[in-house]
Protein backbone atom coordinates (compact mmCIF):
# COMPACT_ATOMS: atom_id res chain seq x y z
CA MET A 1 0.00 0.00 0.00
CA PHE A 2 2.85 2.36 0.81
CA ASP A 3 4.99 1.39 -2.18
CA ARG A 4 6.39 4.55 -3.72
CA ASP A 5 6.34 3.26 -7.29
CA THR A 6 2.68 2.27 -6.97
CA TRP A 7 1.67 5.73 -5.83
CA GLN A 8 3.74 7.39 -8.54
CA GLU A 9 1.92 5.31 -11.09
CA ILE A 10 -1.45 6.18 -9.60
CA PHE A 11 -0.68 9.92 -9.70
CA HIS A 12 0.60 9.57 -13.25
CA THR A 13 -2.64 7.89 -14.31
CA LEU A 14 -4.76 10.54 -12.62
CA LYS A 15 -2.72 13.33 -14.20
CA ASN A 16 -3.18 11.89 -17.68
CA ASN A 17 -6.94 11.58 -17.17
CA LYS A 18 -7.80 14.89 -15.52
CA LEU A 19 -11.39 15.20 -16.76
CA ARG A 20 -12.27 11.64 -15.83
CA THR A 21 -10.69 12.05 -12.41
CA PHE A 22 -12.50 15.36 -11.82
CA LEU A 23 -15.90 13.96 -12.79
CA THR A 24 -15.38 10.89 -10.61
CA GLY A 25 -14.31 12.95 -7.62
CA PHE A 26 -17.04 15.53 -8.13
CA SER A 27 -19.80 12.91 -8.06
CA VAL A 28 -18.58 11.55 -4.71
CA GLY A 29 -17.76 14.93 -3.18
CA TRP A 30 -21.15 16.30 -4.17
CA ALA A 31 -22.90 13.26 -2.70
CA ILE A 32 -21.17 13.72 0.65
CA PHE A 33 -21.80 17.48 0.58
CA ILE A 34 -25.53 16.95 -0.01
CA LEU A 35 -25.68 14.30 2.75
CA VAL A 36 -24.08 16.61 5.32
CA MET A 37 -26.25 19.56 4.29
CA LEU A 38 -29.41 17.46 4.52
CA LEU A 39 -28.53 16.29 8.03
CA ALA A 40 -27.65 19.86 9.02
CA SER A 41 -30.99 21.10 7.68
CA VAL A 42 -32.86 18.53 9.77
CA ASN A 43 -30.91 19.64 12.86
CA GLY A 44 -31.67 23.25 11.99
CA MET A 45 -35.40 22.55 11.85
CA GLN A 46 -35.25 20.61 15.11
CA ASN A 47 -33.35 23.48 16.76
CA GLY A 48 -35.92 25.94 15.44
CA PHE A 49 -38.82 23.92 16.83
CA THR A 50 -37.09 23.49 20.17
CA ASN A 51 -36.17 27.19 20.43
CA GLN A 52 -39.82 28.12 20.16
CA PHE A 53 -40.32 26.49 23.56
CA ASN A 54 -37.11 27.73 25.18
CA ASP A 55 -38.84 30.52 27.07
CA ASP A 56 -41.00 28.09 29.07
CA ALA A 57 -40.20 25.18 31.35
CA THR A 58 -40.23 21.94 29.37
CA ASN A 59 -42.56 20.27 31.87
CA SER A 60 -45.23 22.95 31.55
CA ILE A 61 -48.99 22.54 31.17
CA PHE A 62 -51.31 25.38 30.18
CA ILE A 63 -55.07 25.40 30.75
CA ARG A 64 -56.82 27.69 28.27
CA PRO A 65 -60.60 28.24 28.33
CA GLY A 66 -62.58 28.52 25.11
CA THR A 67 -66.15 28.39 23.85
CA THR A 68 -68.13 25.17 24.05
CA SER A 69 -69.17 23.52 20.81
CA LYS A 70 -71.60 21.03 22.35
CA ALA A 71 -74.56 21.29 24.68
CA TYR A 72 -73.93 19.58 28.02
CA ALA A 73 -75.44 19.32 31.52
CA GLY A 74 -78.27 21.69 30.67
CA PHE A 75 -76.01 24.30 29.08
CA GLU A 76 -76.30 25.23 25.42
CA ALA A 77 -73.42 25.16 22.96
CA GLY A 78 -71.55 28.42 22.48
CA ARG A 79 -71.02 29.05 26.19
CA ARG A 80 -67.88 31.03 26.96
CA ILE A 81 -65.82 29.30 29.67
CA GLN A 82 -64.29 31.55 32.35
CA LEU A 83 -61.59 30.46 34.78
CA LYS A 84 -61.50 31.97 38.28
CA ASN A 85 -59.35 32.05 41.39
CA ASP A 86 -61.35 29.12 42.78
CA ASP A 87 -60.18 26.98 39.86
CA TYR A 88 -56.57 27.85 40.61
CA ASP A 89 -57.04 26.91 44.29
CA TYR A 90 -58.89 23.73 43.36
CA ILE A 91 -56.14 22.48 41.05
CA ARG A 92 -53.36 23.39 43.48
CA LYS A 93 -55.02 21.47 46.31
CA SER A 94 -56.19 18.51 44.21
CA PHE A 95 -52.78 17.55 42.79
CA PRO A 96 -50.18 18.25 45.48
CA LYS A 97 -47.89 15.40 44.34
CA ASP A 98 -48.22 16.07 40.64
CA ILE A 99 -47.68 19.84 40.53
CA GLU A 100 -44.41 21.60 41.31
CA HIS A 101 -45.36 25.20 40.47
CA ILE A 102 -48.64 26.82 39.47
CA SER A 103 -49.78 30.31 38.51
CA SER A 104 -52.85 32.01 37.12
CA ARG A 105 -52.44 34.44 34.23
CA TYR A 106 -54.34 37.66 33.72
CA PHE A 107 -53.54 39.39 30.43
CA THR A 108 -53.90 43.08 29.74
CA SER A 109 -52.06 45.88 28.02
CA ALA A 110 -50.28 48.73 29.76
CA SER A 111 -49.62 52.25 28.64
CA ALA A 112 -46.34 52.95 30.44
CA HIS A 113 -45.03 56.40 31.24
CA TYR A 114 -41.79 57.51 32.86
CA LYS A 115 -40.74 61.17 32.74
CA GLY A 116 -40.91 62.10 29.07
CA GLU A 117 -40.94 58.53 27.71
CA THR A 118 -44.05 56.51 26.95
CA GLY A 119 -44.75 53.09 25.47
CA SER A 120 -47.40 50.42 25.12
CA TYR A 121 -46.55 46.95 26.43
CA SER A 122 -48.08 43.59 27.19
CA LEU A 123 -48.70 43.11 30.91
CA GLN A 124 -49.17 39.76 32.60
CA ALA A 125 -50.51 39.63 36.14
CA VAL A 126 -49.36 36.33 37.63
CA HIS A 127 -48.39 34.47 40.81
CA PRO A 128 -44.75 34.34 42.00
CA ASP A 129 -44.36 30.74 40.71
CA HIS A 130 -44.72 32.09 37.19
CA GLN A 131 -41.05 33.04 37.20
CA ILE A 132 -40.07 29.37 37.09
CA ILE A 133 -42.81 28.33 34.68
CA GLU A 134 -41.83 31.05 32.19
CA LYS A 135 -38.08 30.62 32.89
CA THR A 136 -37.80 34.33 33.59
CA VAL A 137 -34.17 35.27 34.31
CA ILE A 138 -33.72 38.25 36.64
CA LEU A 139 -30.87 40.51 35.53
CA SER A 140 -31.09 42.83 38.52
CA GLY A 141 -33.38 43.30 41.47
CA ARG A 142 -35.88 40.54 42.24
CA TYR A 143 -39.15 38.93 41.22
CA PHE A 144 -42.21 39.68 43.34
CA ASN A 145 -42.91 37.22 46.15
CA GLU A 146 -45.81 35.84 48.18
CA ALA A 147 -45.75 38.86 50.49
CA ASP A 148 -46.24 41.18 47.48
CA GLN A 149 -49.04 38.91 46.31
CA ALA A 150 -50.77 38.88 49.71
CA ASN A 151 -50.42 42.64 50.19
CA LYS A 152 -51.54 43.41 46.62
CA ALA A 153 -48.41 45.49 46.23
CA LYS A 154 -48.07 47.83 43.28
CA VAL A 155 -44.73 46.46 42.15
CA ALA A 156 -43.59 45.50 38.66
CA VAL A 157 -40.88 43.41 37.05
CA ILE A 158 -40.06 44.81 33.62
CA GLY A 159 -38.36 43.31 30.59
CA ARG A 160 -34.92 44.47 29.49
CA LYS A 161 -36.35 46.15 26.38
CA VAL A 162 -38.94 48.01 28.47
CA GLY A 163 -36.13 49.38 30.64
CA ASP A 164 -34.18 50.45 27.55
CA ASP A 165 -37.23 52.20 26.07
CA LEU A 166 -38.43 54.07 29.13
CA PHE A 167 -35.39 54.64 31.31
CA LYS A 168 -32.68 55.03 28.66
CA ASN A 169 -29.37 55.18 30.57
CA GLU A 170 -31.04 55.46 33.98
CA ASP A 171 -31.29 52.49 36.37
CA PRO A 172 -35.00 51.51 36.58
CA LEU A 173 -34.70 49.75 39.95
CA GLY A 174 -36.51 51.59 42.72
CA ASN A 175 -38.10 54.10 40.37
CA PHE A 176 -41.83 54.43 39.84
CA VAL A 177 -43.41 53.95 36.44
CA GLU A 178 -47.01 54.79 35.55
CA LEU A 179 -48.98 51.85 34.16
CA ASN A 180 -52.39 52.93 32.86
CA GLY A 181 -52.18 55.97 35.13
CA LEU A 182 -51.26 54.05 38.30
CA SER A 183 -47.83 54.24 39.89
CA PHE A 184 -45.86 50.98 40.19
CA ARG A 185 -42.42 50.56 41.75
CA VAL A 186 -39.91 48.69 39.56
CA ILE A 187 -38.36 45.93 41.68
CA GLY A 188 -36.72 43.82 38.97
CA ILE A 189 -35.49 43.64 35.37
CA PHE A 190 -35.61 40.35 33.48
CA THR A 191 -34.39 38.78 30.28
CA ASP A 192 -36.02 35.94 28.37
CA GLU A 193 -34.66 33.23 26.06
CA GLY A 194 -37.65 33.57 23.76
CA ASP A 195 -37.28 36.76 21.70
CA ASP A 196 -37.32 40.54 21.94
CA ASN A 197 -41.11 40.57 22.26
CA ALA A 198 -40.84 38.55 25.46
CA GLU A 199 -38.55 41.27 26.86
CA ARG A 200 -41.12 43.94 26.04
CA ARG A 201 -43.39 42.53 28.73
CA ILE A 202 -44.24 43.60 32.28
CA TYR A 203 -45.12 41.29 35.17
CA ALA A 204 -47.11 42.28 38.26
CA PRO A 205 -48.89 40.42 41.10
CA ILE A 206 -52.23 39.06 39.92
CA SER A 207 -53.91 40.07 43.20
CA THR A 208 -52.98 43.69 42.53
CA TYR A 209 -54.55 43.76 39.08
CA GLN A 210 -57.64 41.86 40.13
CA GLN A 211 -58.20 44.56 42.76
CA ILE A 212 -57.57 47.33 40.22
CA TYR A 213 -60.22 45.87 37.92
CA GLY A 214 -62.98 45.84 40.51
CA ASN A 215 -61.95 42.96 42.77
CA THR A 216 -62.56 40.48 39.97
CA GLU A 217 -61.72 36.83 40.46
CA LYS A 218 -61.44 36.11 36.77
CA VAL A 219 -58.22 34.75 35.21
CA ASN A 220 -57.37 34.13 31.56
CA GLN A 221 -55.23 31.02 31.91
CA ILE A 222 -53.69 28.69 34.47
CA ALA A 223 -50.10 27.53 33.96
CA MET A 224 -48.17 24.92 35.91
CA THR A 225 -45.20 22.59 35.89
CA TYR A 226 -45.73 18.94 36.71
CA ASN A 227 -43.38 16.62 38.61
CA SER A 228 -40.03 16.78 36.80
CA GLU A 229 -39.46 13.05 37.42
CA TYR A 230 -42.45 12.09 35.24
CA ASP A 231 -41.68 10.45 31.91
CA LEU A 232 -43.80 11.06 28.81
CA THR A 233 -46.37 8.44 29.74
CA LYS A 234 -46.91 9.79 33.27
CA ALA A 235 -46.94 13.39 32.03
CA LEU A 236 -49.65 12.67 29.47
CA GLU A 237 -51.61 10.60 31.99
CA PHE A 238 -51.56 13.52 34.43
CA SER A 239 -52.67 16.08 31.86
CA GLY A 240 -55.45 13.69 30.83
CA ARG A 241 -56.68 13.40 34.42
CA LEU A 242 -56.44 17.16 34.80
CA GLU A 243 -58.49 17.78 31.66
CA ASP A 244 -61.19 15.29 32.67
CA LEU A 245 -61.47 16.79 36.14
CA MET A 246 -61.66 20.39 34.92
CA LYS A 247 -64.26 19.53 32.28
CA ARG A 248 -66.45 17.94 34.92
CA ARG A 249 -65.97 20.95 37.20
CA LEU A 250 -66.78 23.46 34.44
CA LYS A 251 -69.65 21.38 32.99
CA ILE A 252 -68.03 20.77 29.61
CA SER A 253 -68.70 17.68 27.52
CA PRO A 254 -65.78 15.19 27.62
CA GLU A 255 -65.83 15.11 23.80
CA ASP A 256 -65.81 18.91 23.47
CA GLN A 257 -62.34 19.99 22.36
CA SER A 258 -63.26 23.66 22.04
CA GLY A 259 -64.48 24.41 25.54
CA LEU A 260 -61.19 23.77 27.31
CA ASN A 261 -57.67 23.14 26.06
CA VAL A 262 -55.07 21.48 28.31
CA TRP A 263 -51.80 21.83 26.44
CA ASN A 264 -48.86 19.72 27.61
CA TYR A 265 -45.33 20.48 26.44
CA ALA A 266 -44.50 16.79 26.77
CA GLN A 267 -46.78 16.02 23.85
CA ALA A 268 -45.28 18.84 21.80
CA PHE A 269 -41.74 17.58 22.38
CA SER A 270 -42.84 14.04 21.57
CA ASP A 271 -44.35 15.22 18.28
CA ILE A 272 -41.20 17.20 17.46
CA SER A 273 -38.97 14.22 18.21
CA SER A 274 -41.08 11.95 16.01
CA PHE A 275 -41.13 14.49 13.19
CA SER A 276 -37.37 15.04 13.45
CA ALA A 277 -36.77 11.28 13.40
CA VAL A 278 -38.80 10.96 10.20
CA LEU A 279 -36.92 13.87 8.60
CA SER A 280 -33.57 12.38 9.63
CA THR A 281 -34.52 9.01 8.14
CA ILE A 282 -35.63 10.61 4.89
CA SER A 283 -32.49 12.77 4.64
CA ILE A 284 -30.22 9.79 5.32
CA ALA A 285 -32.09 7.71 2.74
CA VAL A 286 -31.82 10.48 0.12
CA GLY A 287 -28.16 11.05 0.92
CA PHE A 288 -27.50 7.32 0.75
CA LEU A 289 -29.14 7.09 -2.69
CA ILE A 290 -27.02 10.00 -3.88
CA LEU A 291 -23.95 8.25 -2.50
CA ILE A 292 -24.92 5.01 -4.25
CA ALA A 293 -25.19 6.94 -7.51
CA GLY A 294 -21.67 8.25 -6.95
CA ILE A 295 -20.38 4.75 -6.18
CA VAL A 296 -21.99 3.38 -9.36
CA GLY A 297 -20.35 6.22 -11.28
CA ILE A 298 -16.97 5.33 -9.82
CA GLY A 299 -17.50 1.65 -10.67
CA ASN A 300 -18.39 2.48 -14.28
CA ILE A 301 -15.42 4.78 -14.69
CA MET A 302 -13.08 2.17 -13.18
CA VAL A 303 -14.45 -0.45 -15.61
CA PHE A 304 -13.73 1.94 -18.46
CA THR A 305 -10.26 2.58 -17.03
CA ILE A 306 -9.52 -1.15 -16.88
CA LYS A 307 -10.68 -1.45 -20.49
CA GLU A 308 -8.25 1.29 -21.55
CA ARG A 309 -5.38 -0.31 -19.66
CA THR A 310 -6.01 -3.91 -20.77
CA LYS A 311 -2.74 -4.20 -22.67
CA GLU A 312 -0.83 -2.60 -19.84
CA ILE A 313 -2.26 -5.11 -17.40
CA GLY A 314 -1.40 -7.95 -19.81
CA VAL A 315 2.21 -6.77 -19.95
CA ARG A 316 2.34 -6.61 -16.16
CA LYS A 317 1.02 -10.14 -15.80
CA ALA A 318 3.38 -11.41 -18.52
CA LEU A 319 6.26 -9.91 -16.55
CA GLY A 320 5.15 -11.78 -13.42
CA ALA A 321 2.74 -9.40 -11.67
CA LYS A 322 0.50 -11.25 -9.23
CA PRO A 323 -3.30 -10.87 -9.31
CA SER A 324 -3.14 -9.37 -5.81
CA GLN A 325 -0.84 -6.63 -7.09
CA ILE A 326 -3.25 -5.76 -9.89
CA ILE A 327 -6.18 -5.70 -7.46
CA ASN A 328 -4.18 -3.56 -5.02
CA LEU A 329 -3.32 -1.03 -7.74
CA VAL A 330 -6.94 -0.60 -8.90
CA LEU A 331 -8.33 -0.49 -5.36
CA LEU A 332 -5.81 2.10 -4.23
CA GLU A 333 -6.69 4.32 -7.18
CA SER A 334 -10.46 4.16 -6.59
CA THR A 335 -10.11 4.53 -2.81
CA PHE A 336 -7.76 7.49 -3.17
CA ILE A 337 -10.14 9.33 -5.51
CA THR A 338 -13.12 8.57 -3.30
CA ALA A 339 -11.47 9.49 -0.01
CA LEU A 340 -9.90 12.70 -1.31
CA SER A 341 -13.02 13.98 -3.06
CA GLY A 342 -15.21 12.96 -0.13
CA PHE A 343 -12.93 14.78 2.29
CA ILE A 344 -13.13 17.89 0.11
CA GLY A 345 -16.93 17.64 0.06
CA LEU A 346 -17.04 17.21 3.85
CA THR A 347 -14.65 20.09 4.44
CA PHE A 348 -16.55 22.44 2.15
CA ALA A 349 -19.87 21.55 3.83
CA TRP A 350 -18.33 21.97 7.29
CA ILE A 351 -16.84 25.38 6.45
CA LEU A 352 -20.09 26.56 4.85
CA LEU A 353 -22.11 25.49 7.89
CA SER A 354 -19.69 27.13 10.31
CA ILE A 355 -20.02 30.43 8.41
CA ILE A 356 -23.74 30.59 7.71
CA GLY A 357 -25.09 28.29 10.45
CA PRO A 358 -24.87 30.72 13.40
CA ASN A 359 -26.54 33.43 11.31
CA PHE A 360 -29.73 31.39 10.86
CA ASP A 361 -32.13 32.20 13.69
CA LEU A 362 -35.61 31.87 12.25
CA PRO A 363 -38.72 30.72 14.14
CA ALA A 364 -38.66 27.27 12.53
CA PHE A 365 -35.00 27.02 11.49
CA SER A 366 -32.02 27.79 13.68
CA ASN A 367 -28.28 27.07 13.59
CA PRO A 368 -28.09 24.12 11.15
CA SER A 369 -25.13 21.95 12.10
CA VAL A 370 -23.80 18.40 12.26
CA ASP A 371 -21.77 16.84 15.03
CA LEU A 372 -18.31 15.32 14.68
CA SER A 373 -19.55 11.73 14.97
CA THR A 374 -21.74 12.21 11.88
CA VAL A 375 -18.78 13.51 9.89
CA VAL A 376 -16.54 10.64 11.01
CA THR A 377 -19.24 8.09 10.15
CA ALA A 378 -19.71 9.63 6.71
CA THR A 379 -15.95 9.49 6.12
CA ILE A 380 -15.78 5.81 7.07
CA ILE A 381 -18.72 5.00 4.79
CA LEU A 382 -16.98 6.96 2.06
CA ILE A 383 -13.75 4.95 2.30
CA ILE A 384 -15.65 1.66 2.34
CA ALA A 385 -17.62 2.86 -0.68
CA GLY A 386 -14.38 3.59 -2.51
CA VAL A 387 -13.13 0.06 -1.87
CA LEU A 388 -16.43 -1.50 -3.00
CA ALA A 389 -16.60 0.68 -6.10
CA GLY A 390 -13.18 -0.49 -7.27
CA LEU A 391 -13.44 -4.10 -6.14
CA ILE A 392 -15.35 -5.57 -9.08
CA PRO A 393 -13.20 -3.85 -11.76
CA ALA A 394 -10.08 -4.83 -9.80
CA VAL A 395 -11.02 -8.52 -9.68
CA LYS A 396 -11.92 -8.41 -13.35
CA ALA A 397 -8.56 -6.89 -14.19
CA ALA A 398 -6.71 -9.48 -12.10
CA ASN A 399 -8.40 -12.35 -13.97
CA VAL A 400 -7.43 -11.10 -17.43
CA LYS A 401 -5.12 -13.62 -19.17
CA PRO A 402 -1.91 -12.10 -20.52
CA ILE A 403 -2.41 -13.53 -24.03
CA VAL A 404 -5.93 -12.08 -24.21
CA ALA A 405 -4.86 -8.71 -22.83
CA LEU A 406 -1.95 -8.38 -25.25
CA SER A 407 -4.14 -9.20 -28.25
CA ASP A 408 -6.76 -6.61 -27.23
CA LYS A 409 -7.24 -3.76 -29.66
């Protein structure tokens, strides 16, 4: 394999057949390039799907009321379902072993004013546990606590973008901002892994806002995190029990999917994993077919090469060359072309992904990439493919009889 004369001959052959060598190498390099890019695209889509849920705890469940589509328990269809504080208390007390954190959500908008700056922002009135459910990261200050909730304190935790808009270069902590004409003390600034819109949000104690809006007990949603030790089966079983219980409590038909929606992140991640697995299988299958086409191309070109060099092989055998030497020569040539062109295709794909990959940050497509193990596996497959592609022509060349080869025209 490491015989100098053999390699000199191989390079001489490649040099004298530049076009053939280029086309052979291009077919393999392109196949590997497409395979890597397909796998990277699948990873990019998976990253994009996953990033859409990064701003919430992965073991979250959200209860969202709707409008009934079926008559049930004496109520007509079209009834608007309304969640209340009693529902929050009922769930919290009914599932003490299943629930880790729970919070109601009350949505409204806030016209914010500080000195000469104004802005309109989304405001969520929630319980203190919401910080963990939403994965809210405090940059400075603190989140509101149970004491703030109990005292109906007029305190607010603002997003980083809100602070930039209203306070400019001034530190917001401790200052008072007007929200819909009422003064709230800023006690914390947060960031969020979701997007800039998430950082243009304001959080306040739900008890405070329920008092502001006429001591209402209404809430828009209830969010919670279930036991983090639950697997997918237990998580879905819990959300199923929760949905059945709440439908009975709110007098909603068990078959009515519009009246109440219990959305479990576990199911979403399961669906994403299944979808990604299907995409990965398809991309590998397509890449494999492309690779097979390249291998067939190499085999055909090597057959043609053997045909051109029939007399040369006959002379070699007449001078005492062993069949194993002929096979070794042909295999080394095909493997060298395959490995080199495949490595170039891999390198080009890797460089392209490293340049453009980090710049992709779309809602459904983010940072397409492949890991090192995938590249190593592709390289090994490539080398094996090179050996297989040259094996049949090599054996055929080794079995050529000298007298037949020398008489070939």
